[in-house]
Amino acid sequence: MGEENGDAYCCLTGGRGTSCFRVESVISVDDRGQMVLPKLIRDRAGIAAGEKLAAVSWEKDGRVCCISLIKARDLTEMVSGLLSPMMEEIVGR
């Protein structure tokens, strides 16, 4: 855990290199369940108006503990990358 420009962040090093996460902002959910993704984050992530985001949740002990947003097009590429070798192996048999 560290601090850069007053922001809390954490980097983990493993077999696939180093990955970091940072607390970018604390946002509120209104009565209708809506929230605003701050402009600074949208700009840094290259998120444009109308872009689709996938909400991905992780569970721990039967309860959702983390929710991440992934650009839908990036999620599609990730799934393709994971499934393509498996499909090649199945088709190649």
Protein backbone atom coordinates (compact mmCIF):
# COMPACT_ATOMS: atom_id res chain seq x y z
CA MET A 1 0.00 0.00 0.00
CA GLY A 2 1.33 3.40 -0.85
CA GLU A 3 0.34 6.96 -1.47
CA GLU A 4 0.84 9.05 -4.58
CA ASN A 5 -0.54 12.57 -4.92
CA GLY A 6 -2.69 11.90 -1.85
CA ASP A 7 -4.37 8.86 -3.47
CA ALA A 8 -4.17 5.43 -1.82
CA TYR A 9 -2.90 2.66 -4.08
CA CYS A 10 -1.65 -0.91 -3.85
CA CYS A 11 0.56 -2.87 -6.25
CA LEU A 12 0.87 -6.66 -6.28
CA THR A 13 3.63 -8.56 -8.02
CA GLY A 14 3.02 -12.07 -9.21
CA GLY A 15 3.74 -14.53 -12.01
CA ARG A 16 2.13 -12.25 -14.60
CA GLY A 17 3.91 -9.06 -13.61
CA THR A 18 2.78 -6.20 -11.43
CA SER A 19 -0.77 -4.98 -11.19
CA CYS A 20 -1.93 -1.99 -9.22
CA PHE A 21 -5.20 -0.62 -8.01
CA ARG A 22 -5.96 2.82 -6.70
CA VAL A 23 -8.87 4.36 -4.85
CA GLU A 24 -9.83 6.86 -7.55
CA SER A 25 -12.94 8.30 -6.00
CA VAL A 26 -15.72 7.62 -3.55
CA ILE A 27 -19.10 7.93 -5.26
CA SER A 28 -22.67 7.88 -4.00
CA VAL A 29 -25.65 5.92 -5.26
CA ASP A 30 -28.89 7.92 -5.47
CA ASP A 31 -32.44 6.76 -4.71
CA ARG A 32 -32.82 5.39 -8.26
CA GLY A 33 -29.59 3.38 -8.00
CA GLN A 34 -27.68 5.72 -10.29
CA MET A 35 -24.17 7.02 -9.77
CA VAL A 36 -21.84 9.37 -11.63
CA LEU A 37 -18.45 8.17 -12.82
CA PRO A 38 -16.22 11.24 -12.32
CA LYS A 39 -14.95 12.98 -15.47
CA LEU A 40 -11.29 12.54 -14.49
CA ILE A 41 -11.75 8.75 -14.35
CA ARG A 42 -13.74 8.69 -17.62
CA ASP A 43 -11.01 10.71 -19.33
CA ARG A 44 -8.16 8.55 -17.98
CA ALA A 45 -9.99 5.35 -18.98
CA GLY A 46 -11.06 6.68 -22.37
CA ILE A 47 -14.75 6.13 -21.62
CA ALA A 48 -17.03 8.08 -23.97
CA ALA A 49 -20.73 8.87 -23.58
CA GLY A 50 -22.84 5.88 -24.58
CA GLU A 51 -20.02 3.35 -24.12
CA LYS A 52 -21.10 0.01 -22.64
CA LEU A 53 -19.51 -1.17 -19.40
CA ALA A 54 -19.83 -4.64 -17.89
CA ALA A 55 -20.33 -4.77 -14.12
CA VAL A 56 -18.39 -7.74 -12.75
CA SER A 57 -18.84 -8.84 -9.14
CA TRP A 58 -16.77 -11.01 -6.84
CA GLU A 59 -18.22 -12.90 -3.89
CA LYS A 60 -16.63 -13.80 -0.61
CA ASP A 61 -18.44 -16.00 1.90
CA GLY A 62 -21.64 -15.79 -0.16
CA ARG A 63 -21.81 -12.00 -0.35
CA VAL A 64 -20.68 -9.56 -3.04
CA CYS A 65 -17.60 -7.74 -1.80
CA CYS A 66 -16.24 -6.12 -4.97
CA ILE A 67 -17.74 -4.66 -8.13
CA SER A 68 -15.55 -3.71 -11.11
CA LEU A 69 -16.45 -1.99 -14.35
CA ILE A 70 -14.85 -3.29 -17.56
CA LYS A 71 -15.36 -1.83 -21.02
CA ALA A 72 -17.64 -4.31 -22.82
CA ARG A 73 -15.35 -4.46 -25.87
CA ASP A 74 -12.37 -5.28 -23.63
CA LEU A 75 -14.34 -7.99 -21.85
CA THR A 76 -15.23 -9.52 -25.22
CA GLU A 77 -11.53 -9.57 -26.17
CA MET A 78 -10.59 -11.13 -22.80
CA VAL A 79 -13.17 -13.91 -23.14
CA SER A 80 -12.13 -14.55 -26.75
CA GLY A 81 -8.49 -14.77 -25.69
CA LEU A 82 -9.36 -17.30 -22.99
CA LEU A 83 -11.72 -19.43 -25.08
CA SER A 84 -9.88 -19.43 -28.43
CA PRO A 85 -7.12 -21.85 -27.37
CA MET A 86 -9.71 -24.16 -25.81
CA MET A 87 -11.85 -24.10 -28.96
CA GLU A 88 -8.79 -24.77 -31.16
CA GLU A 89 -7.95 -27.77 -29.00
CA ILE A 90 -11.53 -29.11 -29.24
CA VAL A 91 -11.81 -28.53 -32.99
CA GLY A 92 -8.31 -29.87 -33.60
CA ARG A 93 -9.18 -33.26 -32.13
